[in-house]
Amino acid sequence: MNITGFSRKTDLGRVFQEGKGVRTSFGTIIYLFPENSGSKEEKNEPVLRAVFMIKKKFGNAVQRNRLKRRFKEALRQAALAANIDSDIDLVFLVRTDYANYSEITEELKDKLKLIKQERKPGKKRCSEKQ
């Protein structure tokens, strides 16, 4: 599973404008299925583009980066467990600094399964914001 960041600021803006949101115990996940998902025509595995937004009130840069690394690894494990088979753009608005790795992984797995069910064959992207 390949997890990358956004290459352009406009991509992040599109997720905020056109994406749907899912509430979690640690914050909100805003997601969007991209219409065209990159430069590679032949991809062997799906690409998750993820951004983790954590406010400065949760500590200094070292603590926030540690939290981002923890969320990124939890996302990778959850995506493998949820068997994600399409590209998804994700924005995580983290609202708590409590980060129990196993709880985050389990909740992300459940939320990714919900997001995966949202993706229907032939549907290009989510058009309404929740």
C-alpha atoms as a PDB file:
ATOM      1  CA  MET A   1       0.000   0.000   0.000  1.00  0.00           C
ATOM      2  CA  ASN A   2       1.480   3.290  -1.106  1.00  0.00           C
ATOM      3  CA  ILE A   3       0.676   6.334   1.047  1.00  0.00           C
ATOM      4  CA  THR A   4       1.787   9.705  -0.261  1.00  0.00           C
ATOM      5  CA  GLY A   5       0.998  13.358   0.331  1.00  0.00           C
ATOM      6  CA  PHE A   6      -0.665  15.808  -2.034  1.00  0.00           C
ATOM      7  CA  SER A   7       1.527  17.239  -4.763  1.00  0.00           C
ATOM      8  CA  ARG A   8      -0.551  20.394  -5.338  1.00  0.00           C
ATOM      9  CA  LYS A   9      -2.442  22.698  -3.025  1.00  0.00           C
ATOM     10  CA  THR A  10      -5.398  22.617  -5.430  1.00  0.00           C
ATOM     11  CA  ASP A  11      -5.799  18.880  -4.786  1.00  0.00           C
ATOM     12  CA  LEU A  12      -6.148  19.559  -1.063  1.00  0.00           C
ATOM     13  CA  GLY A  13      -8.694  22.305  -1.766  1.00  0.00           C
ATOM     14  CA  ARG A  14     -10.710  19.951  -3.968  1.00  0.00           C
ATOM     15  CA  VAL A  15     -10.927  17.393  -1.153  1.00  0.00           C
ATOM     16  CA  PHE A  16     -12.232  20.084   1.219  1.00  0.00           C
ATOM     17  CA  GLN A  17     -14.764  21.394  -1.316  1.00  0.00           C
ATOM     18  CA  GLU A  18     -16.048  18.176  -2.885  1.00  0.00           C
ATOM     19  CA  GLY A  19     -15.240  15.491  -0.331  1.00  0.00           C
ATOM     20  CA  LYS A  20     -17.398  13.775   2.249  1.00  0.00           C
ATOM     21  CA  GLY A  21     -16.656  13.614   5.935  1.00  0.00           C
ATOM     22  CA  VAL A  22     -16.677  10.824   8.492  1.00  0.00           C
ATOM     23  CA  ARG A  23     -16.500  11.496  12.240  1.00  0.00           C
ATOM     24  CA  THR A  24     -14.184   9.412  14.393  1.00  0.00           C
ATOM     25  CA  SER A  25     -13.205   9.387  18.042  1.00  0.00           C
ATOM     26  CA  PHE A  26      -9.959  11.217  17.201  1.00  0.00           C
ATOM     27  CA  GLY A  27     -11.364  13.783  14.763  1.00  0.00           C
ATOM     28  CA  THR A  28     -12.709  13.870  11.215  1.00  0.00           C
ATOM     29  CA  ILE A  29     -11.709  12.149   7.983  1.00  0.00           C
ATOM     30  CA  ILE A  30     -12.570  13.967   4.759  1.00  0.00           C
ATOM     31  CA  TYR A  31     -12.306  11.731   1.702  1.00  0.00           C
ATOM     32  CA  LEU A  32     -12.644  11.956  -2.056  1.00  0.00           C
ATOM     33  CA  PHE A  33     -12.207   9.448  -4.856  1.00  0.00           C
ATOM     34  CA  PRO A  34     -10.046  11.263  -7.438  1.00  0.00           C
ATOM     35  CA  GLU A  35     -11.122  11.327 -11.073  1.00  0.00           C
ATOM     36  CA  ASN A  36      -7.609  10.858 -12.392  1.00  0.00           C
ATOM     37  CA  SER A  37      -5.184   9.710  -9.777  1.00  0.00           C
ATOM     38  CA  GLY A  38      -1.708  10.455 -10.959  1.00  0.00           C
ATOM     39  CA  SER A  39       0.811  10.068 -13.703  1.00  0.00           C
ATOM     40  CA  LYS A  40       1.035   6.291 -13.808  1.00  0.00           C
ATOM     41  CA  GLU A  41      -1.309   4.641 -16.275  1.00  0.00           C
ATOM     42  CA  GLU A  42      -0.590   1.093 -15.136  1.00  0.00           C
ATOM     43  CA  LYS A  43      -0.717   0.813 -11.374  1.00  0.00           C
ATOM     44  CA  ASN A  44      -0.274  -2.418  -9.491  1.00  0.00           C
ATOM     45  CA  GLU A  45      -1.618  -1.135  -6.196  1.00  0.00           C
ATOM     46  CA  PRO A  46      -3.920   1.667  -5.083  1.00  0.00           C
ATOM     47  CA  VAL A  47      -2.496   4.957  -3.896  1.00  0.00           C
ATOM     48  CA  LEU A  48      -3.757   6.632  -0.756  1.00  0.00           C
ATOM     49  CA  ARG A  49      -2.934  10.313  -0.625  1.00  0.00           C
ATOM     50  CA  ALA A  50      -3.214  11.462   2.975  1.00  0.00           C
ATOM     51  CA  VAL A  51      -2.668  14.695   4.874  1.00  0.00           C
ATOM     52  CA  PHE A  52      -2.705  14.845   8.663  1.00  0.00           C
ATOM     53  CA  MET A  53      -3.635  18.219  10.141  1.00  0.00           C
ATOM     54  CA  ILE A  54      -2.769  18.578  13.807  1.00  0.00           C
ATOM     55  CA  LYS A  55      -3.089  21.854  15.714  1.00  0.00           C
ATOM     56  CA  LYS A  56      -0.142  23.386  17.523  1.00  0.00           C
ATOM     57  CA  LYS A  57      -1.914  23.030  20.858  1.00  0.00           C
ATOM     58  CA  PHE A  58      -1.009  19.310  20.805  1.00  0.00           C
ATOM     59  CA  GLY A  59       2.651  19.988  21.496  1.00  0.00           C
ATOM     60  CA  ASN A  60       5.821  20.974  19.753  1.00  0.00           C
ATOM     61  CA  ALA A  61       6.853  19.856  16.280  1.00  0.00           C
ATOM     62  CA  VAL A  62       8.484  16.666  17.555  1.00  0.00           C
ATOM     63  CA  GLN A  63       5.278  15.539  19.287  1.00  0.00           C
ATOM     64  CA  ARG A  64       3.057  16.459  16.329  1.00  0.00           C
ATOM     65  CA  ASN A  65       5.336  14.651  13.865  1.00  0.00           C
ATOM     66  CA  ARG A  66       5.354  11.574  16.107  1.00  0.00           C
ATOM     67  CA  LEU A  67       1.556  11.644  16.092  1.00  0.00           C
ATOM     68  CA  LYS A  68       1.517  11.985  12.291  1.00  0.00           C
ATOM     69  CA  ARG A  69       3.874   9.020  11.908  1.00  0.00           C
ATOM     70  CA  ARG A  70       1.668   6.965  14.214  1.00  0.00           C
ATOM     71  CA  PHE A  71      -1.455   7.850  12.200  1.00  0.00           C
ATOM     72  CA  LYS A  72       0.290   7.152   8.893  1.00  0.00           C
ATOM     73  CA  GLU A  73       1.373   3.670   9.994  1.00  0.00           C
ATOM     74  CA  ALA A  74      -2.092   2.971  11.435  1.00  0.00           C
ATOM     75  CA  LEU A  75      -3.594   4.048   8.095  1.00  0.00           C
ATOM     76  CA  ARG A  76      -1.263   1.722   6.196  1.00  0.00           C
ATOM     77  CA  GLN A  77      -2.177  -1.249   8.412  1.00  0.00           C
ATOM     78  CA  ALA A  78      -5.902  -0.438   8.280  1.00  0.00           C
ATOM     79  CA  ALA A  79      -5.860  -0.055   4.483  1.00  0.00           C
ATOM     80  CA  LEU A  80      -4.231  -3.459   4.095  1.00  0.00           C
ATOM     81  CA  ALA A  81      -6.762  -5.031   6.475  1.00  0.00           C
ATOM     82  CA  ALA A  82      -9.715  -3.308   4.765  1.00  0.00           C
ATOM     83  CA  ASN A  83      -8.449  -4.455   1.333  1.00  0.00           C
ATOM     84  CA  ILE A  84      -8.640  -1.021  -0.283  1.00  0.00           C
ATOM     85  CA  ASP A  85      -8.628  -1.468  -4.058  1.00  0.00           C
ATOM     86  CA  SER A  86      -9.108   2.076  -5.375  1.00  0.00           C
ATOM     87  CA  ASP A  87      -7.336   5.401  -5.025  1.00  0.00           C
ATOM     88  CA  ILE A  88      -8.579   7.638  -2.220  1.00  0.00           C
ATOM     89  CA  ASP A  89      -7.612  11.149  -1.146  1.00  0.00           C
ATOM     90  CA  LEU A  90      -7.836  11.570   2.629  1.00  0.00           C
ATOM     91  CA  VAL A  91      -7.538  14.555   4.963  1.00  0.00           C
ATOM     92  CA  PHE A  92      -7.344  13.821   8.684  1.00  0.00           C
ATOM     93  CA  LEU A  93      -8.375  16.650  10.996  1.00  0.00           C
ATOM     94  CA  VAL A  94      -6.976  15.343  14.263  1.00  0.00           C
ATOM     95  CA  ARG A  95      -8.765  16.756  17.314  1.00  0.00           C
ATOM     96  CA  THR A  96      -7.064  14.849  20.102  1.00  0.00           C
ATOM     97  CA  ASP A  97      -3.522  13.981  21.059  1.00  0.00           C
ATOM     98  CA  TYR A  98      -4.565  10.655  22.577  1.00  0.00           C
ATOM     99  CA  ALA A  99      -3.125   8.124  20.169  1.00  0.00           C
ATOM    100  CA  ASN A 100      -3.481   4.509  21.242  1.00  0.00           C
ATOM    101  CA  TYR A 101      -2.138   2.759  18.155  1.00  0.00           C
ATOM    102  CA  SER A 102      -4.352  -0.352  18.296  1.00  0.00           C
ATOM    103  CA  GLU A 103      -7.559   1.659  18.826  1.00  0.00           C
ATOM    104  CA  ILE A 104      -6.675   4.014  15.964  1.00  0.00           C
ATOM    105  CA  THR A 105      -5.925   1.089  13.647  1.00  0.00           C
ATOM    106  CA  GLU A 106      -9.208  -0.671  14.460  1.00  0.00           C
ATOM    107  CA  GLU A 107     -11.294   2.464  14.027  1.00  0.00           C
ATOM    108  CA  LEU A 108      -9.523   3.384  10.780  1.00  0.00           C
ATOM    109  CA  LYS A 109     -10.149  -0.129   9.466  1.00  0.00           C
ATOM    110  CA  ASP A 110     -13.889   0.241  10.161  1.00  0.00           C
ATOM    111  CA  LYS A 111     -14.043   3.715   8.622  1.00  0.00           C
ATOM    112  CA  LEU A 112     -12.086   2.641   5.526  1.00  0.00           C
ATOM    113  CA  LYS A 113     -14.542  -0.224   5.002  1.00  0.00           C
ATOM    114  CA  LEU A 114     -17.386   2.329   5.139  1.00  0.00           C
ATOM    115  CA  ILE A 115     -15.556   4.586   2.678  1.00  0.00           C
ATOM    116  CA  LYS A 116     -14.869   1.613   0.399  1.00  0.00           C
ATOM    117  CA  GLN A 117     -18.592   0.767   0.333  1.00  0.00           C
ATOM    118  CA  GLU A 118     -19.307   4.349  -0.716  1.00  0.00           C
ATOM    119  CA  ARG A 119     -17.294   3.763  -3.872  1.00  0.00           C
ATOM    120  CA  LYS A 120     -19.646   2.262  -6.438  1.00  0.00           C
ATOM    121  CA  PRO A 121     -18.636   0.921  -9.860  1.00  0.00           C
ATOM    122  CA  GLY A 122     -18.813   3.654 -12.444  1.00  0.00           C
ATOM    123  CA  LYS A 123     -18.955   6.439  -9.869  1.00  0.00           C
ATOM    124  CA  LYS A 124     -16.070   8.815 -10.463  1.00  0.00           C
ATOM    125  CA  ARG A 125     -16.094  10.867  -7.270  1.00  0.00           C
ATOM    126  CA  CYS A 126     -18.212  12.006  -4.358  1.00  0.00           C
ATOM    127  CA  SER A 127     -20.180  15.068  -5.370  1.00  0.00           C
ATOM    128  CA  GLU A 128     -21.741  16.285  -2.135  1.00  0.00           C
ATOM    129  CA  LYS A 129     -20.188  17.310   1.116  1.00  0.00           C
ATOM    130  CA  GLN A 130     -21.742  15.724   4.171  1.00  0.00           C
END
